Amino acid sequence: MIKYDMLYTAFSIACIALYIIFDKKTKKIQSIDIIMIAILIIISGIRCNVGSDYYTYYTAYNNWLVNVDNIQDVIQSNSQFGLYVLGFMLKSMTDFPYALFWLVACIIYPCMIIYMRKTTEKPSVAFMCFMLLGFFAISNNILKQSMAMLIMIYAYESFIKNKKIKFVIATLLASTFHTTAIIVAILMVLTRKIKPSYKNLLVFILIGVIGLFAYNVVGNIVTHISLLERYQTYFINTTTYSSMIKETIGVARICLDLYCDCSYSNF
């Protein structure tokens, strides 16, 4: 694991340095953007058994989808059917066993880098955050979540521009990849209504602390929501004293992040 972390860090720093050196202050797509898109796609496409979910996706694509007759069966088999629908369509065009990983890479990285170029004042800084904060790493592990996150970025753009129909459509599309996109959309709406203040910060921390001790209650609620019942195991209370301290710190961090999100949404 340490070796992987060192390799990933070295690779990230090399890519960032290259991007900064050849980056120019313009909203137009540059040669360095295309080069980085190509590098990230190739690295992601040629990986093998990288990430805890790699074998799950590989098995689903090469075993389960082979026995599915039509898209309707794919949709009915899983509420998060987006990735598998892509896989089903891809399977009809090629027998390459790793095609799904290449397809996801070809969707995520061009969209992300073009988005950085078109919407940020400093694309090189955005690219640095994408690499060093682990977003590139997780996009090679949790494919469904990464696709959902990508779509929710565009949903957010629609939301802040008050394009409600596009926001709803993007959210629903993202939820076909991962249902938690709906929760993200709800938070977007709520945070626009909350003004940043010390009082609200304390309220968020209090809610977080209460939630820390409410595993069983939340778990019971989740079991009655069909779309979220698969996550009920996350709420089983198996905490010890030491883990409780760590989780308290984690909750405080989440509350602070949420508060910062409120602040950003209102400025």
Protein backbone atom coordinates (compact mmCIF):
# COMPACT_ATOMS: atom_id res chain seq x y z
CA MET A 1 0.00 0.00 0.00
CA ILE A 2 2.83 2.38 0.86
CA LYS A 3 4.48 1.61 -2.48
CA TYR A 4 1.22 2.40 -4.30
CA ASP A 5 0.85 5.68 -2.40
CA MET A 6 4.38 6.70 -3.29
CA LEU A 7 3.88 5.84 -6.96
CA TYR A 8 0.56 7.67 -7.07
CA THR A 9 2.05 10.75 -5.41
CA ALA A 10 5.01 10.79 -7.78
CA PHE A 11 2.74 10.36 -10.79
CA SER A 12 0.43 13.13 -9.57
CA ILE A 13 3.30 15.57 -8.95
CA ALA A 14 4.76 14.85 -12.40
CA CYS A 15 1.39 15.48 -14.08
CA ILE A 16 0.79 18.65 -12.07
CA ALA A 17 4.25 20.02 -12.85
CA LEU A 18 3.74 19.33 -16.55
CA TYR A 19 0.33 20.98 -16.47
CA ILE A 20 1.60 24.10 -14.68
CA ILE A 21 4.56 24.52 -17.03
CA PHE A 22 2.47 24.47 -20.21
CA ASP A 23 -0.74 26.01 -18.87
CA LYS A 24 -1.83 29.36 -20.28
CA LYS A 25 -4.42 31.76 -18.89
CA THR A 26 -7.25 31.17 -21.30
CA LYS A 27 -10.64 29.49 -21.34
CA LYS A 28 -9.87 27.75 -24.63
CA ILE A 29 -8.88 24.08 -24.63
CA GLN A 30 -5.11 23.78 -24.86
CA SER A 31 -2.68 21.12 -25.99
CA ILE A 32 -1.77 20.37 -22.36
CA ASP A 33 -5.45 19.62 -21.64
CA ILE A 34 -5.55 17.06 -24.44
CA ILE A 35 -2.24 15.55 -23.31
CA MET A 36 -3.46 15.20 -19.72
CA ILE A 37 -6.75 13.69 -20.85
CA ALA A 38 -4.82 11.11 -22.88
CA ILE A 39 -2.44 10.32 -20.01
CA LEU A 40 -5.22 9.84 -17.45
CA ILE A 41 -7.29 7.70 -19.81
CA ILE A 42 -4.34 5.45 -20.64
CA ILE A 43 -3.26 5.02 -17.01
CA SER A 44 -6.82 4.29 -15.94
CA GLY A 45 -7.49 1.98 -18.88
CA ILE A 46 -4.40 -0.21 -18.52
CA ARG A 47 -4.70 -0.69 -14.75
CA CYS A 48 -5.43 -4.19 -13.55
CA ASN A 49 -7.01 -5.18 -10.22
CA VAL A 50 -6.50 -1.69 -8.81
CA GLY A 51 -9.11 -0.70 -6.24
CA SER A 52 -11.33 -2.72 -3.92
CA ASP A 53 -14.25 -2.68 -6.37
CA TYR A 54 -12.26 -3.55 -9.49
CA TYR A 55 -13.06 -7.26 -9.46
CA THR A 56 -16.74 -6.56 -8.77
CA TYR A 57 -17.08 -4.46 -11.90
CA TYR A 58 -14.95 -6.85 -13.92
CA THR A 59 -17.10 -9.82 -12.91
CA ALA A 60 -20.37 -8.01 -13.53
CA TYR A 61 -19.25 -6.90 -16.98
CA ASN A 62 -17.78 -10.20 -18.12
CA ASN A 63 -20.09 -12.70 -16.41
CA TRP A 64 -23.46 -11.29 -15.41
CA LEU A 65 -24.07 -9.00 -18.42
CA VAL A 66 -23.33 -11.86 -20.80
CA ASN A 67 -26.48 -13.61 -19.62
CA VAL A 68 -28.77 -10.54 -19.80
CA ASP A 69 -31.04 -10.38 -22.86
CA ASN A 70 -32.13 -6.74 -22.93
CA ILE A 71 -31.75 -3.34 -21.27
CA GLN A 72 -35.06 -3.70 -19.46
CA ASP A 73 -33.69 -6.68 -17.54
CA VAL A 74 -30.64 -4.62 -16.57
CA ILE A 75 -32.78 -1.75 -15.31
CA GLN A 76 -35.11 -4.01 -13.33
CA SER A 77 -32.24 -5.89 -11.69
CA ASN A 78 -30.70 -2.90 -9.92
CA SER A 79 -31.86 0.58 -8.87
CA GLN A 80 -28.35 1.84 -9.68
CA PHE A 81 -28.44 0.58 -13.22
CA GLY A 82 -26.64 3.41 -15.04
CA LEU A 83 -23.20 1.83 -15.24
CA TYR A 84 -24.60 -1.58 -16.14
CA VAL A 85 -26.70 -0.12 -18.95
CA LEU A 86 -23.51 1.39 -20.38
CA GLY A 87 -21.82 -1.98 -19.94
CA PHE A 88 -24.68 -3.81 -21.65
CA MET A 89 -24.54 -1.52 -24.68
CA LEU A 90 -20.76 -1.73 -24.78
CA LYS A 91 -20.89 -5.52 -24.59
CA SER A 92 -22.87 -5.63 -27.83
CA MET A 93 -20.03 -3.79 -29.60
CA THR A 94 -16.91 -5.49 -28.24
CA ASP A 95 -15.78 -8.57 -26.34
CA PHE A 96 -12.76 -6.79 -24.87
CA PRO A 97 -12.95 -7.74 -21.14
CA TYR A 98 -11.65 -4.38 -19.91
CA ALA A 99 -13.74 -2.18 -22.19
CA LEU A 100 -15.92 -0.89 -19.35
CA PHE A 101 -12.92 0.63 -17.56
CA TRP A 102 -11.76 2.32 -20.74
CA LEU A 103 -15.25 3.69 -21.41
CA VAL A 104 -15.61 5.20 -17.94
CA ALA A 105 -12.15 6.77 -18.25
CA CYS A 106 -13.08 8.23 -21.65
CA ILE A 107 -16.15 9.83 -20.10
CA ILE A 108 -14.81 11.14 -16.80
CA TYR A 109 -11.44 12.68 -17.61
CA PRO A 110 -12.31 14.70 -20.74
CA CYS A 111 -15.40 16.08 -18.97
CA MET A 112 -13.47 16.95 -15.82
CA ILE A 113 -10.54 18.67 -17.49
CA ILE A 114 -12.74 20.58 -19.92
CA TYR A 115 -14.90 21.66 -16.97
CA MET A 116 -11.83 22.87 -15.10
CA ARG A 117 -10.65 24.80 -18.13
CA LYS A 118 -13.99 26.44 -18.86
CA THR A 119 -15.20 27.31 -15.36
CA THR A 120 -12.19 27.98 -13.12
CA GLU A 121 -9.86 30.98 -12.97
CA LYS A 122 -6.83 28.75 -12.38
CA PRO A 123 -7.27 25.35 -14.10
CA SER A 124 -3.82 24.25 -12.94
CA VAL A 125 -4.88 24.64 -9.29
CA ALA A 126 -8.12 22.77 -9.97
CA PHE A 127 -6.14 19.99 -11.65
CA MET A 128 -3.75 19.86 -8.69
CA CYS A 129 -6.70 19.43 -6.31
CA PHE A 130 -8.18 16.73 -8.54
CA MET A 131 -4.96 14.74 -8.39
CA LEU A 132 -3.67 15.34 -4.84
CA LEU A 133 -7.03 15.17 -3.06
CA GLY A 134 -7.51 11.69 -4.43
CA PHE A 135 -10.31 12.23 -6.96
CA PHE A 136 -8.31 10.60 -9.73
CA ALA A 137 -7.50 7.70 -7.41
CA ILE A 138 -11.11 7.06 -6.41
CA SER A 139 -12.25 7.31 -10.03
CA ASN A 140 -10.20 4.14 -10.57
CA ASN A 141 -11.99 2.38 -7.74
CA ILE A 142 -15.63 3.40 -7.29
CA LEU A 143 -16.85 3.76 -10.87
CA LYS A 144 -20.55 4.25 -10.16
CA GLN A 145 -19.91 6.93 -7.55
CA SER A 146 -17.41 8.70 -9.83
CA MET A 147 -19.90 8.82 -12.68
CA ALA A 148 -22.56 10.17 -10.30
CA MET A 149 -20.17 12.83 -8.96
CA LEU A 150 -19.30 13.94 -12.47
CA ILE A 151 -22.96 14.39 -13.39
CA MET A 152 -23.69 16.19 -10.11
CA ILE A 153 -21.03 18.77 -10.95
CA TYR A 154 -23.11 19.74 -13.97
CA ALA A 155 -26.26 19.49 -11.86
CA TYR A 156 -24.75 22.03 -9.49
CA GLU A 157 -23.94 24.38 -12.36
CA SER A 158 -27.56 24.18 -13.46
CA PHE A 159 -28.74 24.74 -9.90
CA ILE A 160 -26.75 27.92 -9.25
CA LYS A 161 -27.92 29.28 -12.63
CA ASN A 162 -31.52 28.55 -11.60
CA LYS A 163 -32.04 26.07 -14.44
CA LYS A 164 -34.35 23.88 -12.40
CA ILE A 165 -35.38 21.41 -15.12
CA LYS A 166 -31.77 20.68 -16.08
CA PHE A 167 -30.90 20.34 -12.40
CA VAL A 168 -33.64 17.76 -11.83
CA ILE A 169 -32.77 15.82 -14.99
CA ALA A 170 -29.06 15.75 -14.11
CA THR A 171 -29.83 14.63 -10.56
CA LEU A 172 -32.10 11.81 -11.73
CA LEU A 173 -29.48 10.71 -14.25
CA ALA A 174 -26.77 10.74 -11.57
CA SER A 175 -29.01 8.71 -9.23
CA THR A 176 -29.12 5.90 -11.79
CA PHE A 177 -25.39 5.52 -11.16
CA HIS A 178 -25.59 6.04 -7.40
CA THR A 179 -28.72 6.83 -5.39
CA THR A 180 -26.84 9.07 -2.95
CA ALA A 181 -26.89 11.74 -5.69
CA ILE A 182 -30.41 12.51 -4.46
CA ILE A 183 -29.04 13.30 -1.00
CA VAL A 184 -26.45 15.61 -2.55
CA ALA A 185 -29.18 17.42 -4.50
CA ILE A 186 -31.24 17.87 -1.32
CA LEU A 187 -28.20 19.32 0.46
CA MET A 188 -27.67 21.73 -2.42
CA VAL A 189 -31.21 23.02 -2.03
CA LEU A 190 -31.03 23.25 1.77
CA THR A 191 -27.69 25.00 1.90
CA ARG A 192 -28.97 27.78 -0.33
CA LYS A 193 -31.51 28.58 2.37
CA ILE A 194 -29.09 28.62 5.31
CA LYS A 195 -27.10 31.75 6.04
CA PRO A 196 -23.61 31.21 7.53
CA SER A 197 -23.37 32.17 11.19
CA TYR A 198 -21.78 30.88 14.42
CA LYS A 199 -25.23 29.82 15.60
CA ASN A 200 -25.76 27.65 12.54
CA LEU A 201 -22.28 26.20 12.93
CA LEU A 202 -23.13 25.10 16.47
CA VAL A 203 -26.44 23.67 15.26
CA PHE A 204 -24.67 21.57 12.63
CA ILE A 205 -22.17 20.31 15.20
CA LEU A 206 -25.00 19.41 17.59
CA ILE A 207 -26.85 17.54 14.84
CA GLY A 208 -23.65 15.69 13.98
CA VAL A 209 -23.00 14.67 17.58
CA ILE A 210 -26.59 13.47 17.99
CA GLY A 211 -26.24 11.51 14.78
CA LEU A 212 -23.08 9.92 16.13
CA PHE A 213 -25.09 8.23 18.88
CA ALA A 214 -28.10 7.42 16.72
CA TYR A 215 -26.78 4.51 14.64
CA ASN A 216 -29.65 2.20 15.50
CA VAL A 217 -32.36 4.80 14.89
CA VAL A 218 -30.90 5.82 11.54
CA GLY A 219 -30.40 2.16 10.64
CA ASN A 220 -34.08 1.42 11.31
CA ILE A 221 -35.13 4.35 9.13
CA VAL A 222 -32.83 3.26 6.32
CA THR A 223 -34.25 -0.28 6.32
CA HIS A 224 -37.66 1.16 5.42
CA ILE A 225 -36.32 3.08 2.41
CA SER A 226 -35.88 0.63 -0.44
CA LEU A 227 -33.33 2.75 -2.29
CA LEU A 228 -31.10 3.03 0.80
CA GLU A 229 -31.57 -0.31 2.53
CA ARG A 230 -28.25 -1.58 1.17
CA TYR A 231 -26.50 0.99 3.38
CA GLN A 232 -28.03 -0.14 6.67
CA THR A 233 -24.85 -2.02 7.63
CA TYR A 234 -23.04 1.32 7.83
CA PHE A 235 -25.23 2.30 10.76
CA ILE A 236 -24.68 -0.76 12.94
CA ASN A 237 -23.29 0.48 16.24
CA THR A 238 -20.08 -1.43 16.88
CA THR A 239 -18.13 1.50 18.28
CA THR A 240 -15.61 1.36 21.10
CA TYR A 241 -14.42 4.24 23.24
CA SER A 242 -11.37 4.91 21.08
CA SER A 243 -13.32 4.68 17.83
CA MET A 244 -15.98 6.99 19.31
CA ILE A 245 -13.35 9.70 19.76
CA LYS A 246 -12.19 9.29 16.17
CA GLU A 247 -15.76 9.37 14.92
CA THR A 248 -16.52 12.49 16.97
CA ILE A 249 -13.61 14.22 15.26
CA GLY A 250 -14.89 12.92 11.94
CA VAL A 251 -18.40 14.23 12.59
CA ALA A 252 -16.99 17.63 13.56
CA ARG A 253 -15.06 17.69 10.30
CA ILE A 254 -18.17 16.80 8.31
CA CYS A 255 -20.19 19.48 10.09
CA LEU A 256 -17.50 22.05 9.32
CA ASP A 257 -17.43 20.98 5.68
CA LEU A 258 -21.20 21.27 5.48
CA TYR A 259 -21.07 24.71 7.09
CA CYS A 260 -18.41 25.81 4.60
CA ASP A 261 -20.65 24.53 1.83
CA CYS A 262 -23.45 26.72 3.22
CA SER A 263 -21.10 29.70 3.29
CA TYR A 264 -19.93 29.09 -0.29
CA SER A 265 -23.48 28.64 -1.56
CA ASN A 266 -24.58 31.96 -0.10
CA PHE A 267 -21.75 34.13 -1.41
